[in-house]
All heavy atoms as atom14 arrays in JSON, in Angstrom:
{
  "sequence": "ESLVLDLSDLEYVASFGLRQFVASYKKMNGKMVLRNVPENIMGILK",
  "atom14_mask": [
    [1, 1, 1, 1, 1, 1, 1, 1, 1, 0, 0, 0, 0, 0],
    [1, 1, 1, 1, 1, 1, 0, 0, 0, 0, 0, 0, 0, 0],
    [1, 1, 1, 1, 1, 1, 1, 1, 0, 0, 0, 0, 0, 0],
    [1, 1, 1, 1, 1, 1, 1, 0, 0, 0, 0, 0, 0, 0],
    [1, 1, 1, 1, 1, 1, 1, 1, 0, 0, 0, 0, 0, 0],
    [1, 1, 1, 1, 1, 1, 1, 1, 0, 0, 0, 0, 0, 0],
    [1, 1, 1, 1, 1, 1, 1, 1, 0, 0, 0, 0, 0, 0],
    [1, 1, 1, 1, 1, 1, 0, 0, 0, 0, 0, 0, 0, 0],
    [1, 1, 1, 1, 1, 1, 1, 1, 0, 0, 0, 0, 0, 0],
    [1, 1, 1, 1, 1, 1, 1, 1, 0, 0, 0, 0, 0, 0],
    [1, 1, 1, 1, 1, 1, 1, 1, 1, 0, 0, 0, 0, 0],
    [1, 1, 1, 1, 1, 1, 1, 1, 1, 1, 1, 1, 0, 0],
    [1, 1, 1, 1, 1, 1, 1, 0, 0, 0, 0, 0, 0, 0],
    [1, 1, 1, 1, 1, 0, 0, 0, 0, 0, 0, 0, 0, 0],
    [1, 1, 1, 1, 1, 1, 0, 0, 0, 0, 0, 0, 0, 0],
    [1, 1, 1, 1, 1, 1, 1, 1, 1, 1, 1, 0, 0, 0],
    [1, 1, 1, 1, 0, 0, 0, 0, 0, 0, 0, 0, 0, 0],
    [1, 1, 1, 1, 1, 1, 1, 1, 0, 0, 0, 0, 0, 0],
    [1, 1, 1, 1, 1, 1, 1, 1, 1, 1, 1, 0, 0, 0],
    [1, 1, 1, 1, 1, 1, 1, 1, 1, 0, 0, 0, 0, 0],
    [1, 1, 1, 1, 1, 1, 1, 1, 1, 1, 1, 0, 0, 0],
    [1, 1, 1, 1, 1, 1, 1, 0, 0, 0, 0, 0, 0, 0],
    [1, 1, 1, 1, 1, 0, 0, 0, 0, 0, 0, 0, 0, 0],
    [1, 1, 1, 1, 1, 1, 0, 0, 0, 0, 0, 0, 0, 0],
    [1, 1, 1, 1, 1, 1, 1, 1, 1, 1, 1, 1, 0, 0],
    [1, 1, 1, 1, 1, 1, 1, 1, 1, 0, 0, 0, 0, 0],
    [1, 1, 1, 1, 1, 1, 1, 1, 1, 0, 0, 0, 0, 0],
    [1, 1, 1, 1, 1, 1, 1, 1, 0, 0, 0, 0, 0, 0],
    [1, 1, 1, 1, 1, 1, 1, 1, 0, 0, 0, 0, 0, 0],
    [1, 1, 1, 1, 0, 0, 0, 0, 0, 0, 0, 0, 0, 0],
    [1, 1, 1, 1, 1, 1, 1, 1, 1, 0, 0, 0, 0, 0],
    [1, 1, 1, 1, 1, 1, 1, 1, 0, 0, 0, 0, 0, 0],
    [1, 1, 1, 1, 1, 1, 1, 0, 0, 0, 0, 0, 0, 0],
    [1, 1, 1, 1, 1, 1, 1, 1, 0, 0, 0, 0, 0, 0],
    [1, 1, 1, 1, 1, 1, 1, 1, 1, 1, 1, 0, 0, 0],
    [1, 1, 1, 1, 1, 1, 1, 1, 0, 0, 0, 0, 0, 0],
    [1, 1, 1, 1, 1, 1, 1, 0, 0, 0, 0, 0, 0, 0],
    [1, 1, 1, 1, 1, 1, 1, 0, 0, 0, 0, 0, 0, 0],
    [1, 1, 1, 1, 1, 1, 1, 1, 1, 0, 0, 0, 0, 0],
    [1, 1, 1, 1, 1, 1, 1, 1, 0, 0, 0, 0, 0, 0],
    [1, 1, 1, 1, 1, 1, 1, 1, 0, 0, 0, 0, 0, 0],
    [1, 1, 1, 1, 1, 1, 1, 1, 0, 0, 0, 0, 0, 0],
    [1, 1, 1, 1, 0, 0, 0, 0, 0, 0, 0, 0, 0, 0],
    [1, 1, 1, 1, 1, 1, 1, 1, 0, 0, 0, 0, 0, 0],
    [1, 1, 1, 1, 1, 1, 1, 1, 0, 0, 0, 0, 0, 0],
    [1, 1, 1, 1, 1, 1, 1, 1, 1, 0, 0, 0, 0, 0]
  ],
  "atom14_positions": [
    [[116.51, 107.82, 85.89], [116.32, 106.66, 86.64], [114.93, 106.12, 86.35], [113.95, 106.88, 85.95], [116.55, 106.72, 88.1], [117.93, 106.99, 88.51], [118.16, 107.11, 89.98], [117.32, 107.9, 90.6], [119.17, 106.66, 90.54], [0.0, 0.0, 0.0], [0.0, 0.0, 0.0], [0.0, 0.0, 0.0], [0.0, 0.0, 0.0], [0.0, 0.0, 0.0]],
    [[114.7, 104.71, 86.38], [113.31, 104.17, 86.3], [113.03, 103.62, 87.63], [113.79, 103.33, 88.51], [113.41, 103.1, 85.24], [114.29, 102.06, 85.56], [0.0, 0.0, 0.0], [0.0, 0.0, 0.0], [0.0, 0.0, 0.0], [0.0, 0.0, 0.0], [0.0, 0.0, 0.0], [0.0, 0.0, 0.0], [0.0, 0.0, 0.0], [0.0, 0.0, 0.0]],
    [[111.63, 103.44, 87.87], [111.18, 102.95, 89.14], [110.46, 101.71, 89.04], [109.62, 101.54, 88.23], [110.25, 104.06, 89.63], [109.42, 103.77, 91.02], [110.44, 103.55, 92.19], [108.54, 104.9, 91.28], [0.0, 0.0, 0.0], [0.0, 0.0, 0.0], [0.0, 0.0, 0.0], [0.0, 0.0, 0.0], [0.0, 0.0, 0.0], [0.0, 0.0, 0.0]],
    [[110.77, 100.9, 89.99], [110.09, 99.55, 90.3], [109.41, 99.61, 91.61], [110.15, 99.9, 92.56], [110.88, 98.32, 90.13], [110.1, 97.13, 90.5], [111.53, 98.21, 88.76], [0.0, 0.0, 0.0], [0.0, 0.0, 0.0], [0.0, 0.0, 0.0], [0.0, 0.0, 0.0], [0.0, 0.0, 0.0], [0.0, 0.0, 0.0], [0.0, 0.0, 0.0]],
    [[108.09, 99.5, 91.59], [107.39, 99.41, 92.95], [107.04, 97.9, 93.17], [106.38, 97.31, 92.56], [106.06, 100.2, 93.03], [106.21, 101.72, 93.07], [104.87, 102.31, 93.01], [107.14, 102.19, 94.18], [0.0, 0.0, 0.0], [0.0, 0.0, 0.0], [0.0, 0.0, 0.0], [0.0, 0.0, 0.0], [0.0, 0.0, 0.0], [0.0, 0.0, 0.0]],
    [[107.84, 97.29, 94.09], [107.69, 95.87, 94.45], [106.64, 95.7, 95.54], [106.8, 96.26, 96.6], [109.0, 95.22, 95.01], [109.0, 93.85, 95.29], [107.86, 93.32, 95.43], [109.95, 93.19, 95.5], [0.0, 0.0, 0.0], [0.0, 0.0, 0.0], [0.0, 0.0, 0.0], [0.0, 0.0, 0.0], [0.0, 0.0, 0.0], [0.0, 0.0, 0.0]],
    [[105.53, 95.2, 95.13], [104.39, 95.08, 96.03], [104.25, 93.82, 96.72], [103.19, 93.37, 97.34], [103.02, 95.46, 95.25], [103.06, 96.76, 94.45], [101.66, 97.07, 93.84], [103.56, 97.85, 95.28], [0.0, 0.0, 0.0], [0.0, 0.0, 0.0], [0.0, 0.0, 0.0], [0.0, 0.0, 0.0], [0.0, 0.0, 0.0], [0.0, 0.0, 0.0]],
    [[105.23, 92.85, 96.69], [105.06, 91.52, 97.13], [104.78, 91.44, 98.7], [104.11, 90.52, 99.03], [106.38, 90.7, 96.94], [107.54, 91.45, 97.49], [0.0, 0.0, 0.0], [0.0, 0.0, 0.0], [0.0, 0.0, 0.0], [0.0, 0.0, 0.0], [0.0, 0.0, 0.0], [0.0, 0.0, 0.0], [0.0, 0.0, 0.0], [0.0, 0.0, 0.0]],
    [[105.13, 92.44, 99.43], [104.81, 92.47, 100.8], [103.86, 93.54, 101.19], [103.69, 93.91, 102.36], [106.12, 92.7, 101.74], [106.9, 91.35, 101.72], [106.27, 90.12, 101.48], [108.09, 91.36, 101.73], [0.0, 0.0, 0.0], [0.0, 0.0, 0.0], [0.0, 0.0, 0.0], [0.0, 0.0, 0.0], [0.0, 0.0, 0.0], [0.0, 0.0, 0.0]],
    [[103.07, 94.04, 100.29], [102.01, 95.0, 100.5], [100.75, 94.26, 100.85], [100.31, 93.51, 100.06], [101.78, 95.96, 99.25], [100.87, 97.07, 99.43], [101.51, 98.14, 100.46], [100.71, 97.79, 98.17], [0.0, 0.0, 0.0], [0.0, 0.0, 0.0], [0.0, 0.0, 0.0], [0.0, 0.0, 0.0], [0.0, 0.0, 0.0], [0.0, 0.0, 0.0]],
    [[100.21, 94.57, 102.0], [99.03, 93.87, 102.6], [97.65, 94.49, 102.14], [96.76, 93.97, 101.99], [99.16, 93.68, 104.0], [100.29, 92.94, 104.47], [100.45, 93.0, 106.01], [99.61, 93.3, 106.73], [101.69, 92.76, 106.39], [0.0, 0.0, 0.0], [0.0, 0.0, 0.0], [0.0, 0.0, 0.0], [0.0, 0.0, 0.0], [0.0, 0.0, 0.0]],
    [[97.83, 95.91, 102.08], [96.58, 96.67, 101.84], [96.9, 97.95, 101.17], [97.96, 98.59, 101.44], [95.94, 96.93, 103.15], [94.87, 97.94, 103.04], [93.54, 97.56, 102.75], [95.08, 99.25, 103.46], [92.48, 98.52, 102.78], [93.99, 100.13, 103.46], [92.65, 99.79, 103.07], [91.69, 100.72, 103.04], [0.0, 0.0, 0.0], [0.0, 0.0, 0.0]],
    [[96.03, 98.49, 100.24], [96.29, 99.8, 99.63], [94.98, 100.48, 99.65], [93.93, 99.93, 99.31], [96.81, 99.7, 98.23], [95.96, 99.01, 97.33], [97.14, 101.06, 97.58], [0.0, 0.0, 0.0], [0.0, 0.0, 0.0], [0.0, 0.0, 0.0], [0.0, 0.0, 0.0], [0.0, 0.0, 0.0], [0.0, 0.0, 0.0], [0.0, 0.0, 0.0]],
    [[95.01, 101.73, 100.18], [93.76, 102.63, 100.19], [93.62, 103.41, 98.94], [94.65, 103.48, 98.1], [93.84, 103.53, 101.48], [0.0, 0.0, 0.0], [0.0, 0.0, 0.0], [0.0, 0.0, 0.0], [0.0, 0.0, 0.0], [0.0, 0.0, 0.0], [0.0, 0.0, 0.0], [0.0, 0.0, 0.0], [0.0, 0.0, 0.0], [0.0, 0.0, 0.0]],
    [[92.7, 104.13, 98.73], [92.4, 104.99, 97.57], [93.56, 106.04, 97.48], [94.0, 106.37, 96.41], [91.09, 105.66, 97.59], [90.83, 106.48, 98.69], [0.0, 0.0, 0.0], [0.0, 0.0, 0.0], [0.0, 0.0, 0.0], [0.0, 0.0, 0.0], [0.0, 0.0, 0.0], [0.0, 0.0, 0.0], [0.0, 0.0, 0.0], [0.0, 0.0, 0.0]],
    [[93.98, 106.53, 98.61], [95.01, 107.56, 98.49], [96.33, 106.86, 98.19], [97.12, 107.51, 97.43], [95.22, 108.2, 99.93], [96.01, 109.55, 99.87], [95.28, 110.57, 99.43], [97.19, 109.67, 100.27], [95.93, 111.92, 99.47], [97.91, 110.82, 100.29], [97.23, 111.96, 99.83], [0.0, 0.0, 0.0], [0.0, 0.0, 0.0], [0.0, 0.0, 0.0]],
    [[96.6, 105.64, 98.4], [97.81, 104.86, 97.91], [97.65, 104.72, 96.34], [98.59, 104.77, 95.79], [0.0, 0.0, 0.0], [0.0, 0.0, 0.0], [0.0, 0.0, 0.0], [0.0, 0.0, 0.0], [0.0, 0.0, 0.0], [0.0, 0.0, 0.0], [0.0, 0.0, 0.0], [0.0, 0.0, 0.0], [0.0, 0.0, 0.0], [0.0, 0.0, 0.0]],
    [[96.41, 104.2, 95.99], [96.29, 104.18, 94.56], [96.55, 105.47, 93.73], [97.18, 105.43, 92.7], [94.87, 103.61, 94.23], [94.37, 102.37, 94.77], [92.98, 102.12, 94.64], [95.25, 101.26, 94.02], [0.0, 0.0, 0.0], [0.0, 0.0, 0.0], [0.0, 0.0, 0.0], [0.0, 0.0, 0.0], [0.0, 0.0, 0.0], [0.0, 0.0, 0.0]],
    [[96.1, 106.54, 94.37], [96.43, 107.83, 93.75], [97.8, 108.05, 93.67], [98.33, 108.77, 92.69], [95.64, 109.03, 94.44], [94.15, 109.0, 94.07], [93.6, 110.46, 94.65], [93.69, 110.4, 96.09], [92.48, 110.14, 96.91], [91.41, 109.97, 96.28], [92.59, 110.13, 98.23], [0.0, 0.0, 0.0], [0.0, 0.0, 0.0], [0.0, 0.0, 0.0]],
    [[98.59, 107.69, 94.68], [100.14, 107.89, 94.76], [100.74, 106.98, 93.57], [101.79, 107.45, 93.08], [100.66, 107.51, 96.04], [102.01, 107.9, 96.18], [102.33, 109.39, 95.84], [101.66, 110.3, 96.44], [103.26, 109.63, 94.95], [0.0, 0.0, 0.0], [0.0, 0.0, 0.0], [0.0, 0.0, 0.0], [0.0, 0.0, 0.0], [0.0, 0.0, 0.0]],
    [[100.2, 105.84, 93.27], [100.74, 105.13, 92.17], [100.65, 105.81, 90.86], [101.53, 105.89, 90.16], [99.92, 103.72, 92.03], [100.17, 102.69, 93.04], [99.3, 101.62, 93.19], [101.26, 102.7, 93.9], [99.5, 100.63, 94.19], [101.49, 101.73, 94.93], [100.6, 100.63, 95.01], [0.0, 0.0, 0.0], [0.0, 0.0, 0.0], [0.0, 0.0, 0.0]],
    [[99.46, 106.4, 90.7], [99.24, 107.19, 89.38], [100.25, 108.48, 89.38], [100.77, 108.63, 88.4], [97.76, 107.59, 89.21], [97.56, 108.55, 87.99], [96.78, 106.37, 89.12], [0.0, 0.0, 0.0], [0.0, 0.0, 0.0], [0.0, 0.0, 0.0], [0.0, 0.0, 0.0], [0.0, 0.0, 0.0], [0.0, 0.0, 0.0], [0.0, 0.0, 0.0]],
    [[100.27, 109.1, 90.46], [101.15, 110.31, 90.61], [102.55, 109.89, 90.36], [103.24, 110.69, 89.61], [100.99, 110.95, 91.87], [0.0, 0.0, 0.0], [0.0, 0.0, 0.0], [0.0, 0.0, 0.0], [0.0, 0.0, 0.0], [0.0, 0.0, 0.0], [0.0, 0.0, 0.0], [0.0, 0.0, 0.0], [0.0, 0.0, 0.0], [0.0, 0.0, 0.0]],
    [[102.99, 108.84, 90.91], [104.4, 108.31, 90.81], [104.68, 107.89, 89.24], [105.63, 108.4, 88.71], [104.64, 107.15, 91.56], [104.5, 107.43, 92.95], [0.0, 0.0, 0.0], [0.0, 0.0, 0.0], [0.0, 0.0, 0.0], [0.0, 0.0, 0.0], [0.0, 0.0, 0.0], [0.0, 0.0, 0.0], [0.0, 0.0, 0.0], [0.0, 0.0, 0.0]],
    [[103.67, 107.3, 88.61], [103.85, 106.99, 87.21], [103.91, 108.16, 86.37], [104.79, 108.31, 85.49], [102.63, 106.11, 86.74], [102.62, 105.57, 85.31], [103.49, 104.63, 84.97], [101.88, 106.22, 84.36], [103.59, 104.16, 83.67], [101.92, 105.73, 83.08], [102.8, 104.73, 82.86], [102.74, 104.28, 81.41], [0.0, 0.0, 0.0], [0.0, 0.0, 0.0]],
    [[103.11, 109.25, 86.62], [103.28, 110.44, 85.87], [104.47, 111.22, 86.17], [105.09, 111.69, 85.11], [102.07, 111.43, 86.31], [100.7, 110.87, 85.73], [99.58, 111.9, 86.16], [98.33, 111.38, 85.62], [97.16, 112.26, 86.11], [0.0, 0.0, 0.0], [0.0, 0.0, 0.0], [0.0, 0.0, 0.0], [0.0, 0.0, 0.0], [0.0, 0.0, 0.0]],
    [[105.04, 111.35, 87.55], [106.25, 111.98, 87.72], [107.46, 111.26, 87.08], [108.29, 111.89, 86.66], [106.48, 111.91, 89.19], [107.66, 112.73, 89.61], [108.63, 111.92, 90.48], [109.82, 112.83, 90.91], [111.03, 112.42, 90.44], [0.0, 0.0, 0.0], [0.0, 0.0, 0.0], [0.0, 0.0, 0.0], [0.0, 0.0, 0.0], [0.0, 0.0, 0.0]],
    [[107.32, 109.95, 86.96], [108.39, 109.13, 86.24], [108.18, 109.16, 84.72], [109.13, 108.5, 84.04], [108.39, 107.73, 86.82], [108.71, 107.56, 88.21], [110.37, 108.29, 88.78], [111.43, 107.4, 87.81], [0.0, 0.0, 0.0], [0.0, 0.0, 0.0], [0.0, 0.0, 0.0], [0.0, 0.0, 0.0], [0.0, 0.0, 0.0], [0.0, 0.0, 0.0]],
    [[107.3, 109.88, 84.16], [107.13, 109.9, 82.72], [106.92, 108.48, 82.13], [107.63, 108.22, 81.05], [108.23, 110.67, 82.07], [108.2, 112.17, 82.44], [107.21, 112.83, 82.42], [109.23, 112.76, 82.72], [0.0, 0.0, 0.0], [0.0, 0.0, 0.0], [0.0, 0.0, 0.0], [0.0, 0.0, 0.0], [0.0, 0.0, 0.0], [0.0, 0.0, 0.0]],
    [[106.28, 107.63, 82.88], [106.06, 106.29, 82.34], [107.03, 105.26, 82.56], [106.97, 104.17, 82.24], [0.0, 0.0, 0.0], [0.0, 0.0, 0.0], [0.0, 0.0, 0.0], [0.0, 0.0, 0.0], [0.0, 0.0, 0.0], [0.0, 0.0, 0.0], [0.0, 0.0, 0.0], [0.0, 0.0, 0.0], [0.0, 0.0, 0.0], [0.0, 0.0, 0.0]],
    [[108.28, 105.74, 83.22], [109.36, 104.79, 83.57], [109.18, 104.21, 84.88], [109.99, 104.25, 85.74], [110.69, 105.52, 83.37], [111.03, 106.12, 82.01], [112.47, 106.66, 81.99], [112.64, 107.72, 82.98], [113.98, 108.37, 82.92], [0.0, 0.0, 0.0], [0.0, 0.0, 0.0], [0.0, 0.0, 0.0], [0.0, 0.0, 0.0], [0.0, 0.0, 0.0]],
    [[107.97, 103.45, 85.01], [107.65, 102.83, 86.28], [106.89, 101.56, 85.97], [106.06, 101.63, 85.11], [106.73, 103.81, 87.12], [106.46, 103.24, 88.44], [105.46, 104.28, 89.46], [103.88, 103.3, 89.22], [0.0, 0.0, 0.0], [0.0, 0.0, 0.0], [0.0, 0.0, 0.0], [0.0, 0.0, 0.0], [0.0, 0.0, 0.0], [0.0, 0.0, 0.0]],
    [[107.15, 100.56, 86.75], [106.22, 99.36, 86.7], [105.96, 98.94, 88.16], [106.65, 99.15, 89.1], [107.07, 98.13, 86.04], [107.36, 98.47, 84.68], [108.26, 97.77, 86.72], [0.0, 0.0, 0.0], [0.0, 0.0, 0.0], [0.0, 0.0, 0.0], [0.0, 0.0, 0.0], [0.0, 0.0, 0.0], [0.0, 0.0, 0.0], [0.0, 0.0, 0.0]],
    [[104.83, 98.24, 88.28], [104.43, 97.61, 89.54], [104.83, 96.11, 89.41], [104.56, 95.48, 88.33], [103.03, 97.67, 89.73], [102.39, 99.11, 89.81], [100.85, 98.98, 89.9], [102.9, 99.89, 90.99], [0.0, 0.0, 0.0], [0.0, 0.0, 0.0], [0.0, 0.0, 0.0], [0.0, 0.0, 0.0], [0.0, 0.0, 0.0], [0.0, 0.0, 0.0]],
    [[105.53, 95.59, 90.44], [106.14, 94.19, 90.21], [105.56, 93.41, 91.47], [105.49, 93.89, 92.56], [107.62, 94.27, 90.24], [108.24, 92.97, 89.93], [109.72, 93.09, 89.85], [109.96, 93.67, 88.47], [111.17, 94.3, 88.15], [112.16, 94.2, 89.06], [111.43, 94.84, 86.96], [0.0, 0.0, 0.0], [0.0, 0.0, 0.0], [0.0, 0.0, 0.0]],
    [[105.35, 92.08, 91.25], [105.01, 91.14, 92.4], [103.7, 91.56, 93.08], [103.68, 91.69, 94.37], [106.19, 91.0, 93.33], [107.45, 90.52, 92.73], [107.42, 89.63, 91.74], [108.56, 91.0, 93.07], [0.0, 0.0, 0.0], [0.0, 0.0, 0.0], [0.0, 0.0, 0.0], [0.0, 0.0, 0.0], [0.0, 0.0, 0.0], [0.0, 0.0, 0.0]],
    [[102.68, 91.86, 92.25], [101.41, 92.37, 92.81], [100.66, 91.18, 93.43], [100.22, 90.23, 92.64], [100.63, 93.12, 91.83], [99.29, 93.67, 92.39], [101.42, 94.32, 91.18], [0.0, 0.0, 0.0], [0.0, 0.0, 0.0], [0.0, 0.0, 0.0], [0.0, 0.0, 0.0], [0.0, 0.0, 0.0], [0.0, 0.0, 0.0], [0.0, 0.0, 0.0]],
    [[100.24, 91.27, 94.78], [99.48, 90.22, 95.28], [98.05, 90.24, 94.75], [97.56, 91.33, 94.17], [99.38, 90.66, 96.87], [100.58, 91.63, 97.02], [100.76, 92.15, 95.7], [0.0, 0.0, 0.0], [0.0, 0.0, 0.0], [0.0, 0.0, 0.0], [0.0, 0.0, 0.0], [0.0, 0.0, 0.0], [0.0, 0.0, 0.0], [0.0, 0.0, 0.0]],
    [[97.39, 89.08, 94.81], [96.13, 88.96, 94.19], [95.05, 89.87, 94.6], [94.33, 90.41, 93.86], [95.57, 87.48, 94.49], [96.21, 86.51, 93.5], [95.5, 85.08, 93.71], [94.22, 85.03, 93.8], [96.25, 84.1, 93.86], [0.0, 0.0, 0.0], [0.0, 0.0, 0.0], [0.0, 0.0, 0.0], [0.0, 0.0, 0.0], [0.0, 0.0, 0.0]],
    [[95.1, 90.15, 96.0], [94.0, 91.11, 96.49], [94.34, 92.54, 95.91], [93.3, 93.3, 95.68], [94.02, 91.08, 98.04], [95.34, 91.53, 98.66], [96.43, 91.24, 98.19], [95.16, 92.18, 99.8], [0.0, 0.0, 0.0], [0.0, 0.0, 0.0], [0.0, 0.0, 0.0], [0.0, 0.0, 0.0], [0.0, 0.0, 0.0], [0.0, 0.0, 0.0]],
    [[95.59, 92.93, 95.87], [95.91, 94.21, 95.25], [95.6, 94.25, 93.84], [95.02, 95.18, 93.26], [97.41, 94.64, 95.51], [97.66, 94.52, 96.95], [97.58, 96.0, 95.08], [97.0, 95.45, 98.0], [0.0, 0.0, 0.0], [0.0, 0.0, 0.0], [0.0, 0.0, 0.0], [0.0, 0.0, 0.0], [0.0, 0.0, 0.0], [0.0, 0.0, 0.0]],
    [[95.95, 93.12, 93.12], [95.62, 93.11, 91.66], [94.16, 93.26, 91.32], [93.79, 93.97, 90.41], [96.17, 91.81, 91.11], [95.87, 91.74, 89.58], [96.95, 92.96, 88.63], [98.43, 92.06, 88.5], [0.0, 0.0, 0.0], [0.0, 0.0, 0.0], [0.0, 0.0, 0.0], [0.0, 0.0, 0.0], [0.0, 0.0, 0.0], [0.0, 0.0, 0.0]],
    [[93.33, 92.74, 92.23], [91.9, 92.85, 92.0], [91.42, 94.28, 92.17], [90.66, 94.76, 91.27], [0.0, 0.0, 0.0], [0.0, 0.0, 0.0], [0.0, 0.0, 0.0], [0.0, 0.0, 0.0], [0.0, 0.0, 0.0], [0.0, 0.0, 0.0], [0.0, 0.0, 0.0], [0.0, 0.0, 0.0], [0.0, 0.0, 0.0], [0.0, 0.0, 0.0]],
    [[92.09, 95.06, 93.07], [91.62, 96.42, 93.11], [92.25, 97.19, 91.99], [91.47, 98.09, 91.4], [92.36, 97.04, 94.48], [91.64, 96.38, 95.69], [92.13, 98.57, 94.5], [92.39, 96.66, 96.98], [0.0, 0.0, 0.0], [0.0, 0.0, 0.0], [0.0, 0.0, 0.0], [0.0, 0.0, 0.0], [0.0, 0.0, 0.0], [0.0, 0.0, 0.0]],
    [[93.41, 96.88, 91.42], [93.98, 97.56, 90.31], [93.16, 97.34, 89.0], [92.86, 98.3, 88.41], [95.48, 97.11, 90.1], [96.47, 97.53, 91.17], [97.77, 96.8, 90.78], [96.61, 98.98, 91.32], [0.0, 0.0, 0.0], [0.0, 0.0, 0.0], [0.0, 0.0, 0.0], [0.0, 0.0, 0.0], [0.0, 0.0, 0.0], [0.0, 0.0, 0.0]],
    [[92.67, 96.08, 88.92], [91.78, 95.81, 87.8], [90.45, 96.47, 87.82], [89.98, 97.01, 86.83], [91.68, 94.33, 87.62], [92.83, 93.53, 87.09], [92.74, 92.05, 86.92], [93.96, 91.45, 86.3], [93.73, 90.12, 86.15], [0.0, 0.0, 0.0], [0.0, 0.0, 0.0], [0.0, 0.0, 0.0], [0.0, 0.0, 0.0], [0.0, 0.0, 0.0]]
  ]
}
C-alpha cells in the first residue's frame, strides 16, 4: 500500500511529529506523500 498524509486540518506540528513524518516515509519505502499542507506547516517543512 501507499500512504497519503492529509494535513488540511492539522493546526500544529511539533518536532516529534516532524520526526514521525520522516520515520513514516522511511517505513513506506518512499511510497508516501504529504497532501493539503497548510501554509504554517509548509513553512516549517521548508
